[in-house]
Amino acid sequence: LRGSWNFYWQEFKTPLSKTQSSDSLLLVPGSWSKYKKYPALGYATYRLRIKLNRSTQPLSIKFPLINSAYNVWINGKLVHQVGRVATQSDQFESRLENSLVPLP
């Protein structure tokens, strides 16, 4: 899944959010703070559409050890949460965790 992902700075998108393609593409893996216009602290949505052939072996997405908060949506369903995402810093809760999220 390395490559360019749609990136929406200071927006939380869900699968139901009506969106156009993002005007920003960021390289994954990586941090948005590597790009001069994005500060280290903030919130955003990364979005990628993946089309897979049927596989006989189980597939998963690995999220490396990071101290942050995030939600993972697959096929329109919230399947994994780490910490608590929020637009306000006093409501945000980070957690140091790595994750392995199985694909349906």
PDB file of N, CA and C in Angstrom:
ATOM      1  N   LEU A   1       0.814  -1.206   0.000  1.00  0.00           N
ATOM      2  CA  LEU A   1       0.000   0.000   0.000  1.00  0.00           C
ATOM      3  C   LEU A   1       0.852   1.262   0.000  1.00  0.00           C
ATOM      4  N   ARG A   2       2.143   1.077  -0.257  1.00  0.00           N
ATOM      5  CA  ARG A   2       3.011   2.245  -0.381  1.00  0.00           C
ATOM      6  C   ARG A   2       2.607   3.040  -1.605  1.00  0.00           C
ATOM      7  N   GLY A   3       2.612   4.351  -1.455  1.00  0.00           N
ATOM      8  CA  GLY A   3       2.288   5.187  -2.603  1.00  0.00           C
ATOM      9  C   GLY A   3       1.591   6.462  -2.187  1.00  0.00           C
ATOM     10  N   SER A   4       0.932   7.083  -3.143  1.00  0.00           N
ATOM     11  CA  SER A   4       0.243   8.351  -2.916  1.00  0.00           C
ATOM     12  C   SER A   4      -1.193   8.100  -2.476  1.00  0.00           C
ATOM     13  N   TRP A   5      -1.562   8.685  -1.345  1.00  0.00           N
ATOM     14  CA  TRP A   5      -2.910   8.577  -0.800  1.00  0.00           C
ATOM     15  C   TRP A   5      -3.558   9.957  -0.830  1.00  0.00           C
ATOM     16  N   ASN A   6      -4.878  10.006  -1.006  1.00  0.00           N
ATOM     17  CA  ASN A   6      -5.604  11.261  -0.852  1.00  0.00           C
ATOM     18  C   ASN A   6      -5.459  11.714   0.591  1.00  0.00           C
ATOM     19  N   PHE A   7      -5.314  13.009   0.769  1.00  0.00           N
ATOM     20  CA  PHE A   7      -5.069  13.570   2.101  1.00  0.00           C
ATOM     21  C   PHE A   7      -5.950  14.794   2.290  1.00  0.00           C
ATOM     22  N   TYR A   8      -6.689  14.821   3.400  1.00  0.00           N
ATOM     23  CA  TYR A   8      -7.598  15.918   3.718  1.00  0.00           C
ATOM     24  C   TYR A   8      -7.185  16.512   5.067  1.00  0.00           C
ATOM     25  N   TRP A   9      -6.464  17.633   5.026  1.00  0.00           N
ATOM     26  CA  TRP A   9      -5.959  18.274   6.241  1.00  0.00           C
ATOM     27  C   TRP A   9      -7.119  18.913   7.008  1.00  0.00           C
ATOM     28  N   GLN A  10      -7.138  18.693   8.308  1.00  0.00           N
ATOM     29  CA  GLN A  10      -8.127  19.204   9.245  1.00  0.00           C
ATOM     30  C   GLN A  10      -9.560  18.891   8.808  1.00  0.00           C
ATOM     31  N   GLU A  11      -9.740  17.664   8.302  1.00  0.00           N
ATOM     32  CA  GLU A  11     -11.058  17.145   7.965  1.00  0.00           C
ATOM     33  C   GLU A  11     -11.114  15.689   8.389  1.00  0.00           C
ATOM     34  N   PHE A  12     -12.239  15.301   8.982  1.00  0.00           N
ATOM     35  CA  PHE A  12     -12.493  13.887   9.239  1.00  0.00           C
ATOM     36  C   PHE A  12     -13.515  13.429   8.217  1.00  0.00           C
ATOM     37  N   LYS A  13     -13.144  12.483   7.395  1.00  0.00           N
ATOM     38  CA  LYS A  13     -14.039  11.929   6.383  1.00  0.00           C
ATOM     39  C   LYS A  13     -14.444  10.524   6.815  1.00  0.00           C
ATOM     40  N   THR A  14     -15.672  10.167   6.525  1.00  0.00           N
ATOM     41  CA  THR A  14     -16.138   8.795   6.703  1.00  0.00           C
ATOM     42  C   THR A  14     -16.477   8.270   5.315  1.00  0.00           C
ATOM     43  N   PRO A  15     -16.737   6.986   5.192  1.00  0.00           N
ATOM     44  CA  PRO A  15     -17.135   6.474   3.869  1.00  0.00           C
ATOM     45  C   PRO A  15     -18.400   7.145   3.336  1.00  0.00           C
ATOM     46  N   LEU A  16     -19.227   7.687   4.211  1.00  0.00           N
ATOM     47  CA  LEU A  16     -20.457   8.343   3.772  1.00  0.00           C
ATOM     48  C   LEU A  16     -20.254   9.810   3.411  1.00  0.00           C
ATOM     49  N   SER A  17     -19.073  10.363   3.736  1.00  0.00           N
ATOM     50  CA  SER A  17     -18.801  11.766   3.414  1.00  0.00           C
ATOM     51  C   SER A  17     -18.760  11.949   1.903  1.00  0.00           C
ATOM     52  N   LYS A  18     -19.474  12.966   1.455  1.00  0.00           N
ATOM     53  CA  LYS A  18     -19.402  13.286   0.029  1.00  0.00           C
ATOM     54  C   LYS A  18     -18.107  14.044  -0.190  1.00  0.00           C
ATOM     55  N   THR A  19     -17.263  13.499  -1.026  1.00  0.00           N
ATOM     56  CA  THR A  19     -15.975  14.145  -1.260  1.00  0.00           C
ATOM     57  C   THR A  19     -15.627  14.107  -2.725  1.00  0.00           C
ATOM     58  N   GLN A  20     -14.824  15.040  -3.073  1.00  0.00           N
ATOM     59  CA  GLN A  20     -14.175  15.002  -4.366  1.00  0.00           C
ATOM     60  C   GLN A  20     -12.777  14.480  -4.100  1.00  0.00           C
ATOM     61  N   SER A  21     -12.041  14.221  -5.140  1.00  0.00           N
ATOM     62  CA  SER A  21     -10.655  13.826  -4.933  1.00  0.00           C
ATOM     63  C   SER A  21      -9.944  14.946  -4.190  1.00  0.00           C
ATOM     64  N   SER A  22      -9.068  14.547  -3.307  1.00  0.00           N
ATOM     65  CA  SER A  22      -8.309  15.526  -2.546  1.00  0.00           C
ATOM     66  C   SER A  22      -7.349  16.253  -3.476  1.00  0.00           C
ATOM     67  N   ASP A  23      -7.127  17.530  -3.178  1.00  0.00           N
ATOM     68  CA  ASP A  23      -6.127  18.251  -3.955  1.00  0.00           C
ATOM     69  C   ASP A  23      -4.723  17.981  -3.437  1.00  0.00           C
ATOM     70  N   SER A  24      -4.640  17.213  -2.335  1.00  0.00           N
ATOM     71  CA  SER A  24      -3.339  16.854  -1.779  1.00  0.00           C
ATOM     72  C   SER A  24      -3.157  15.346  -1.819  1.00  0.00           C
ATOM     73  N   LEU A  25      -2.002  14.931  -2.272  1.00  0.00           N
ATOM     74  CA  LEU A  25      -1.605  13.533  -2.223  1.00  0.00           C
ATOM     75  C   LEU A  25      -0.352  13.460  -1.377  1.00  0.00           C
ATOM     76  N   LEU A  26      -0.332  12.534  -0.421  1.00  0.00           N
ATOM     77  CA  LEU A  26       0.842  12.352   0.428  1.00  0.00           C
ATOM     78  C   LEU A  26       1.366  10.946   0.263  1.00  0.00           C
ATOM     79  N   LEU A  27       2.672  10.807   0.382  1.00  0.00           N
ATOM     80  CA  LEU A  27       3.289   9.498   0.279  1.00  0.00           C
ATOM     81  C   LEU A  27       3.140   8.741   1.592  1.00  0.00           C
ATOM     82  N   VAL A  28       2.737   7.495   1.482  1.00  0.00           N
ATOM     83  CA  VAL A  28       2.588   6.591   2.624  1.00  0.00           C
ATOM     84  C   VAL A  28       3.514   5.414   2.377  1.00  0.00           C
ATOM     85  N   PRO A  29       4.272   4.923   3.339  1.00  0.00           N
ATOM     86  CA  PRO A  29       4.305   5.404   4.717  1.00  0.00           C
ATOM     87  C   PRO A  29       5.048   6.725   4.826  1.00  0.00           C
ATOM     88  N   GLY A  30       4.726   7.429   5.887  1.00  0.00           N
ATOM     89  CA  GLY A  30       5.362   8.715   6.128  1.00  0.00           C
ATOM     90  C   GLY A  30       4.488   9.567   7.014  1.00  0.00           C
ATOM     91  N   SER A  31       4.983  10.710   7.355  1.00  0.00           N
ATOM     92  CA  SER A  31       4.279  11.626   8.245  1.00  0.00           C
ATOM     93  C   SER A  31       3.936  12.895   7.486  1.00  0.00           C
ATOM     94  N   TRP A  32       2.744  13.433   7.731  1.00  0.00           N
ATOM     95  CA  TRP A  32       2.378  14.678   7.060  1.00  0.00           C
ATOM     96  C   TRP A  32       3.298  15.822   7.451  1.00  0.00           C
ATOM     97  N   SER A  33       3.943  15.724   8.616  1.00  0.00           N
ATOM     98  CA  SER A  33       4.812  16.827   9.057  1.00  0.00           C
ATOM     99  C   SER A  33       6.083  16.933   8.215  1.00  0.00           C
ATOM    100  N   LYS A  34       6.328  15.944   7.353  1.00  0.00           N
ATOM    101  CA  LYS A  34       7.462  16.053   6.429  1.00  0.00           C
ATOM    102  C   LYS A  34       7.194  17.105   5.353  1.00  0.00           C
ATOM    103  N   TYR A  35       5.932  17.468   5.200  1.00  0.00           N
ATOM    104  CA  TYR A  35       5.556  18.448   4.192  1.00  0.00           C
ATOM    105  C   TYR A  35       5.447  19.811   4.870  1.00  0.00           C
ATOM    106  N   LYS A  36       6.060  20.810   4.298  1.00  0.00           N
ATOM    107  CA  LYS A  36       6.226  22.108   4.953  1.00  0.00           C
ATOM    108  C   LYS A  36       4.911  22.766   5.344  1.00  0.00           C
ATOM    109  N   LYS A  37       3.840  22.500   4.628  1.00  0.00           N
ATOM    110  CA  LYS A  37       2.611  23.230   4.944  1.00  0.00           C
ATOM    111  C   LYS A  37       1.775  22.579   6.041  1.00  0.00           C
ATOM    112  N   TYR A  38       2.192  21.422   6.552  1.00  0.00           N
ATOM    113  CA  TYR A  38       1.427  20.745   7.607  1.00  0.00           C
ATOM    114  C   TYR A  38       2.242  20.663   8.896  1.00  0.00           C
ATOM    115  N   PRO A  39       1.713  21.218   9.997  1.00  0.00           N
ATOM    116  CA  PRO A  39       2.422  21.130  11.283  1.00  0.00           C
ATOM    117  C   PRO A  39       2.357  19.706  11.842  1.00  0.00           C
ATOM    118  N   ALA A  40       3.190  19.409  12.812  1.00  0.00           N
ATOM    119  CA  ALA A  40       3.241  18.072  13.399  1.00  0.00           C
ATOM    120  C   ALA A  40       1.945  17.723  14.121  1.00  0.00           C
ATOM    121  N   LEU A  41       1.321  18.690  14.760  1.00  0.00           N
ATOM    122  CA  LEU A  41       0.081  18.430  15.494  1.00  0.00           C
ATOM    123  C   LEU A  41      -1.119  18.885  14.679  1.00  0.00           C
ATOM    124  N   GLY A  42      -2.126  18.049  14.640  1.00  0.00           N
ATOM    125  CA  GLY A  42      -3.338  18.374  13.907  1.00  0.00           C
ATOM    126  C   GLY A  42      -4.123  17.102  13.647  1.00  0.00           C
ATOM    127  N   TYR A  43      -5.076  17.180  12.750  1.00  0.00           N
ATOM    128  CA  TYR A  43      -5.861  16.000  12.395  1.00  0.00           C
ATOM    129  C   TYR A  43      -6.130  16.024  10.898  1.00  0.00           C
ATOM    130  N   ALA A  44      -6.400  14.841  10.361  1.00  0.00           N
ATOM    131  CA  ALA A  44      -6.598  14.721   8.916  1.00  0.00           C
ATOM    132  C   ALA A  44      -7.193  13.359   8.594  1.00  0.00           C
ATOM    133  N   THR A  45      -7.547  13.193   7.335  1.00  0.00           N
ATOM    134  CA  THR A  45      -8.000  11.909   6.818  1.00  0.00           C
ATOM    135  C   THR A  45      -7.089  11.499   5.678  1.00  0.00           C
ATOM    136  N   TYR A  46      -6.634  10.256   5.734  1.00  0.00           N
ATOM    137  CA  TYR A  46      -5.967   9.624   4.602  1.00  0.00           C
ATOM    138  C   TYR A  46      -7.001   8.693   3.975  1.00  0.00           C
ATOM    139  N   ARG A  47      -7.078   8.681   2.656  1.00  0.00           N
ATOM    140  CA  ARG A  47      -8.069   7.827   2.004  1.00  0.00           C
ATOM    141  C   ARG A  47      -7.435   7.149   0.793  1.00  0.00           C
ATOM    142  N   LEU A  48      -7.754   5.850   0.669  1.00  0.00           N
ATOM    143  CA  LEU A  48      -7.234   5.063  -0.444  1.00  0.00           C
ATOM    144  C   LEU A  48      -8.284   4.032  -0.822  1.00  0.00           C
ATOM    145  N   ARG A  49      -8.507   3.863  -2.108  1.00  0.00           N
ATOM    146  CA  ARG A  49      -9.400   2.820  -2.593  1.00  0.00           C
ATOM    147  C   ARG A  49      -8.532   1.680  -3.123  1.00  0.00           C
ATOM    148  N   ILE A  50      -8.803   0.477  -2.626  1.00  0.00           N
ATOM    149  CA  ILE A  50      -8.021  -0.697  -3.006  1.00  0.00           C
ATOM    150  C   ILE A  50      -8.960  -1.723  -3.616  1.00  0.00           C
ATOM    151  N   LYS A  51      -8.616  -2.226  -4.769  1.00  0.00           N
ATOM    152  CA  LYS A  51      -9.392  -3.295  -5.385  1.00  0.00           C
ATOM    153  C   LYS A  51      -8.532  -4.554  -5.364  1.00  0.00           C
ATOM    154  N   LEU A  52      -9.065  -5.592  -4.740  1.00  0.00           N
ATOM    155  CA  LEU A  52      -8.325  -6.845  -4.620  1.00  0.00           C
ATOM    156  C   LEU A  52      -9.054  -7.963  -5.346  1.00  0.00           C
ATOM    157  N   ASN A  53      -8.288  -8.877  -5.904  1.00  0.00           N
ATOM    158  CA  ASN A  53      -8.869 -10.118  -6.403  1.00  0.00           C
ATOM    159  C   ASN A  53      -9.140 -11.014  -5.213  1.00  0.00           C
ATOM    160  N   ARG A  54     -10.008 -11.962  -5.389  1.00  0.00           N
ATOM    161  CA  ARG A  54     -10.237 -12.915  -4.304  1.00  0.00           C
ATOM    162  C   ARG A  54      -8.932 -13.630  -4.003  1.00  0.00           C
ATOM    163  N   SER A  55      -8.666 -13.788  -2.722  1.00  0.00           N
ATOM    164  CA  SER A  55      -7.418 -14.430  -2.303  1.00  0.00           C
ATOM    165  C   SER A  55      -7.758 -15.654  -1.468  1.00  0.00           C
ATOM    166  N   THR A  56      -6.941 -16.659  -1.603  1.00  0.00           N
ATOM    167  CA  THR A  56      -7.152 -17.857  -0.789  1.00  0.00           C
ATOM    168  C   THR A  56      -6.475 -17.716   0.564  1.00  0.00           C
ATOM    169  N   GLN A  57      -5.607 -16.742   0.701  1.00  0.00           N
ATOM    170  CA  GLN A  57      -4.940 -16.536   1.982  1.00  0.00           C
ATOM    171  C   GLN A  57      -5.466 -15.264   2.634  1.00  0.00           C
ATOM    172  N   PRO A  58      -5.527 -15.254   3.949  1.00  0.00           N
ATOM    173  CA  PRO A  58      -5.994 -14.043   4.642  1.00  0.00           C
ATOM    174  C   PRO A  58      -5.014 -12.884   4.437  1.00  0.00           C
ATOM    175  N   LEU A  59      -5.557 -11.686   4.304  1.00  0.00           N
ATOM    176  CA  LEU A  59      -4.745 -10.481   4.150  1.00  0.00           C
ATOM    177  C   LEU A  59      -5.033  -9.536   5.304  1.00  0.00           C
ATOM    178  N   SER A  60      -4.029  -8.739   5.687  1.00  0.00           N
ATOM    179  CA  SER A  60      -4.162  -7.763   6.766  1.00  0.00           C
ATOM    180  C   SER A  60      -3.398  -6.504   6.397  1.00  0.00           C
ATOM    181  N   ILE A  61      -3.725  -5.425   7.082  1.00  0.00           N
ATOM    182  CA  ILE A  61      -2.977  -4.174   6.963  1.00  0.00           C
ATOM    183  C   ILE A  61      -2.245  -3.961   8.282  1.00  0.00           C
ATOM    184  N   LYS A  62      -0.946  -3.735   8.185  1.00  0.00           N
ATOM    185  CA  LYS A  62      -0.130  -3.506   9.380  1.00  0.00           C
ATOM    186  C   LYS A  62       0.088  -2.013   9.571  1.00  0.00           C
ATOM    187  N   PHE A  63      -0.251  -1.545  10.770  1.00  0.00           N
ATOM    188  CA  PHE A  63       0.010  -0.169  11.161  1.00  0.00           C
ATOM    189  C   PHE A  63       1.171  -0.201  12.144  1.00  0.00           C
ATOM    190  N   PRO A  64       2.277   0.470  11.815  1.00  0.00           N
ATOM    191  CA  PRO A  64       3.460   0.417  12.683  1.00  0.00           C
ATOM    192  C   PRO A  64       3.226   1.115  14.012  1.00  0.00           C
ATOM    193  N   LEU A  65       4.156   0.919  14.913  1.00  0.00           N
ATOM    194  CA  LEU A  65       4.088   1.528  16.241  1.00  0.00           C
ATOM    195  C   LEU A  65       4.179   3.046  16.117  1.00  0.00           C
ATOM    196  N   ILE A  66       3.088   3.717  16.469  1.00  0.00           N
ATOM    197  CA  ILE A  66       3.058   5.180  16.477  1.00  0.00           C
ATOM    198  C   ILE A  66       2.262   5.637  17.694  1.00  0.00           C
ATOM    199  N   ASN A  67       2.566   6.815  18.167  1.00  0.00           N
ATOM    200  CA  ASN A  67       1.833   7.400  19.288  1.00  0.00           C
ATOM    201  C   ASN A  67       0.837   8.390  18.704  1.00  0.00           C
ATOM    202  N   SER A  68      -0.371   7.896  18.458  1.00  0.00           N
ATOM    203  CA  SER A  68      -1.374   8.712  17.811  1.00  0.00           C
ATOM    204  C   SER A  68      -2.749   8.133  18.087  1.00  0.00           C
ATOM    205  N   ALA A  69      -3.740   8.607  17.374  1.00  0.00           N
ATOM    206  CA  ALA A  69      -5.089   8.061  17.426  1.00  0.00           C
ATOM    207  C   ALA A  69      -5.586   7.961  15.990  1.00  0.00           C
ATOM    208  N   TYR A  70      -6.301   6.890  15.694  1.00  0.00           N
ATOM    209  CA  TYR A  70      -6.837   6.743  14.340  1.00  0.00           C
ATOM    210  C   TYR A  70      -7.990   5.754  14.322  1.00  0.00           C
ATOM    211  N   ASN A  71      -8.818   5.902  13.285  1.00  0.00           N
ATOM    212  CA  ASN A  71      -9.901   4.975  12.993  1.00  0.00           C
ATOM    213  C   ASN A  71      -9.626   4.363  11.634  1.00  0.00           C
ATOM    214  N   VAL A  72      -9.950   3.081  11.479  1.00  0.00           N
ATOM    215  CA  VAL A  72      -9.771   2.389  10.203  1.00  0.00           C
ATOM    216  C   VAL A  72     -11.146   1.942   9.711  1.00  0.00           C
ATOM    217  N   TRP A  73     -11.486   2.389   8.511  1.00  0.00           N
ATOM    218  CA  TRP A  73     -12.740   2.012   7.869  1.00  0.00           C
ATOM    219  C   TRP A  73     -12.420   1.102   6.696  1.00  0.00           C
ATOM    220  N   ILE A  74     -13.138  -0.002   6.574  1.00  0.00           N
ATOM    221  CA  ILE A  74     -12.990  -0.912   5.433  1.00  0.00           C
ATOM    222  C   ILE A  74     -14.378  -1.256   4.930  1.00  0.00           C
ATOM    223  N   ASN A  75     -14.586  -1.074   3.646  1.00  0.00           N
ATOM    224  CA  ASN A  75     -15.880  -1.363   3.010  1.00  0.00           C
ATOM    225  C   ASN A  75     -17.034  -0.667   3.729  1.00  0.00           C
ATOM    226  N   GLY A  76     -16.809   0.574   4.134  1.00  0.00           N
ATOM    227  CA  GLY A  76     -17.856   1.365   4.747  1.00  0.00           C
ATOM    228  C   GLY A  76     -18.111   1.094   6.216  1.00  0.00           C
ATOM    229  N   LYS A  77     -17.305   0.241   6.838  1.00  0.00           N
ATOM    230  CA  LYS A  77     -17.510  -0.100   8.243  1.00  0.00           C
ATOM    231  C   LYS A  77     -16.287   0.273   9.071  1.00  0.00           C
ATOM    232  N   LEU A  78     -16.532   0.815  10.249  1.00  0.00           N
ATOM    233  CA  LEU A  78     -15.450   1.099  11.190  1.00  0.00           C
ATOM    234  C   LEU A  78     -14.994  -0.231  11.778  1.00  0.00           C
ATOM    235  N   VAL A  79     -13.749  -0.626  11.494  1.00  0.00           N
ATOM    236  CA  VAL A  79     -13.277  -1.952  11.908  1.00  0.00           C
ATOM    237  C   VAL A  79     -12.201  -1.907  12.989  1.00  0.00           C
ATOM    238  N   HIS A  80     -11.621  -0.727  13.230  1.00  0.00           N
ATOM    239  CA  HIS A  80     -10.539  -0.669  14.220  1.00  0.00           C
ATOM    240  C   HIS A  80     -10.372   0.766  14.701  1.00  0.00           C
ATOM    241  N   GLN A  81     -10.127   0.916  16.004  1.00  0.00           N
ATOM    242  CA  GLN A  81      -9.867   2.233  16.591  1.00  0.00           C
ATOM    243  C   GLN A  81      -8.676   2.145  17.521  1.00  0.00           C
ATOM    244  N   VAL A  82      -7.854   3.171  17.488  1.00  0.00           N
ATOM    245  CA  VAL A  82      -6.745   3.319  18.429  1.00  0.00           C
ATOM    246  C   VAL A  82      -6.868   4.711  19.019  1.00  0.00           C
ATOM    247  N   GLY A  83      -6.892   4.813  20.336  1.00  0.00           N
ATOM    248  CA  GLY A  83      -7.052   6.104  20.990  1.00  0.00           C
ATOM    249  C   GLY A  83      -8.395   6.721  20.668  1.00  0.00           C
ATOM    250  N   ARG A  84      -8.461   8.053  20.744  1.00  0.00           N
ATOM    251  CA  ARG A  84      -9.702   8.762  20.411  1.00  0.00           C
ATOM    252  C   ARG A  84      -9.355   9.936  19.518  1.00  0.00           C
ATOM    253  N   VAL A  85      -9.867   9.919  18.304  1.00  0.00           N
ATOM    254  CA  VAL A  85      -9.643  11.029  17.383  1.00  0.00           C
ATOM    255  C   VAL A  85     -10.569  12.173  17.759  1.00  0.00           C
ATOM    256  N   ALA A  86     -10.118  13.396  17.546  1.00  0.00           N
ATOM    257  CA  ALA A  86     -10.918  14.567  17.884  1.00  0.00           C
ATOM    258  C   ALA A  86     -10.373  15.789  17.157  1.00  0.00           C
ATOM    259  N   THR A  87     -11.232  16.762  17.008  1.00  0.00           N
ATOM    260  CA  THR A  87     -10.805  18.026  16.402  1.00  0.00           C
ATOM    261  C   THR A  87     -10.240  18.981  17.446  1.00  0.00           C
ATOM    262  N   GLN A  88     -10.552  18.761  18.711  1.00  0.00           N
ATOM    263  CA  GLN A  88     -10.071  19.599  19.805  1.00  0.00           C
ATOM    264  C   GLN A  88      -9.017  18.840  20.611  1.00  0.00           C
ATOM    265  N   SER A  89      -7.919  19.495  20.930  1.00  0.00           N
ATOM    266  CA  SER A  89      -6.815  18.817  21.615  1.00  0.00           C
ATOM    267  C   SER A  89      -7.205  18.287  22.991  1.00  0.00           C
ATOM    268  N   ASP A  90      -8.163  18.936  23.672  1.00  0.00           N
ATOM    269  CA  ASP A  90      -8.551  18.455  24.999  1.00  0.00           C
ATOM    270  C   ASP A  90      -9.442  17.209  24.934  1.00  0.00           C
ATOM    271  N   GLN A  91      -9.901  16.845  23.739  1.00  0.00           N
ATOM    272  CA  GLN A  91     -10.715  15.641  23.565  1.00  0.00           C
ATOM    273  C   GLN A  91      -9.947  14.494  22.921  1.00  0.00           C
ATOM    274  N   PHE A  92      -8.773  14.791  22.414  1.00  0.00           N
ATOM    275  CA  PHE A  92      -7.923  13.821  21.725  1.00  0.00           C
ATOM    276  C   PHE A  92      -7.216  12.921  22.736  1.00  0.00           C
ATOM    277  N   GLU A  93      -7.148  11.637  22.440  1.00  0.00           N
ATOM    278  CA  GLU A  93      -6.409  10.688  23.282  1.00  0.00           C
ATOM    279  C   GLU A  93      -5.524   9.820  22.398  1.00  0.00           C
ATOM    280  N   SER A  94      -4.220   9.975  22.544  1.00  0.00           N
ATOM    281  CA  SER A  94      -3.314   9.145  21.757  1.00  0.00           C
ATOM    282  C   SER A  94      -3.008   7.857  22.513  1.00  0.00           C
ATOM    283  N   ARG A  95      -2.529   6.888  21.765  1.00  0.00           N
ATOM    284  CA  ARG A  95      -2.119   5.624  22.366  1.00  0.00           C
ATOM    285  C   ARG A  95      -0.926   5.103  21.553  1.00  0.00           C
ATOM    286  N   LEU A  96       0.073   4.615  22.245  1.00  0.00           N
ATOM    287  CA  LEU A  96       1.236   4.024  21.592  1.00  0.00           C
ATOM    288  C   LEU A  96       0.901   2.574  21.294  1.00  0.00           C
ATOM    289  N   GLU A  97       0.679   2.285  20.018  1.00  0.00           N
ATOM    290  CA  GLU A  97       0.215   0.947  19.654  1.00  0.00           C
ATOM    291  C   GLU A  97       0.552   0.651  18.200  1.00  0.00           C
ATOM    292  N   ASN A  98       0.834  -0.612  17.933  1.00  0.00           N
ATOM    293  CA  ASN A  98       0.888  -1.061  16.540  1.00  0.00           C
ATOM    294  C   ASN A  98      -0.302  -1.995  16.354  1.00  0.00           C
ATOM    295  N   SER A  99      -0.759  -2.130  15.120  1.00  0.00           N
ATOM    296  CA  SER A  99      -1.977  -2.895  14.870  1.00  0.00           C
ATOM    297  C   SER A  99      -1.839  -3.738  13.619  1.00  0.00           C
ATOM    298  N   LEU A 100      -2.542  -4.845  13.627  1.00  0.00           N
ATOM    299  CA  LEU A 100      -2.684  -5.700  12.456  1.00  0.00           C
ATOM    300  C   LEU A 100      -4.185  -5.855  12.230  1.00  0.00           C
ATOM    301  N   VAL A 101      -4.696  -5.241  11.179  1.00  0.00           N
ATOM    302  CA  VAL A 101      -6.125  -5.223  10.922  1.00  0.00           C
ATOM    303  C   VAL A 101      -6.432  -6.179   9.761  1.00  0.00           C
ATOM    304  N   PRO A 102      -7.179  -7.267  10.028  1.00  0.00           N
ATOM    305  CA  PRO A 102      -7.498  -8.224   8.968  1.00  0.00           C
ATOM    306  C   PRO A 102      -8.480  -7.641   7.961  1.00  0.00           C
ATOM    307  N   LEU A 103      -8.282  -7.953   6.697  1.00  0.00           N
ATOM    308  CA  LEU A 103      -9.211  -7.538   5.667  1.00  0.00           C
ATOM    309  C   LEU A 103     -10.320  -8.579   5.539  1.00  0.00           C
ATOM    310  N   PRO A 104     -11.548  -8.112   5.339  1.00  0.00           N
ATOM    311  CA  PRO A 104     -12.649  -9.088   5.188  1.00  0.00           C
ATOM    312  C   PRO A 104     -12.546  -9.868   3.886  1.00  0.00           C
TER     313      PRO A 104
END
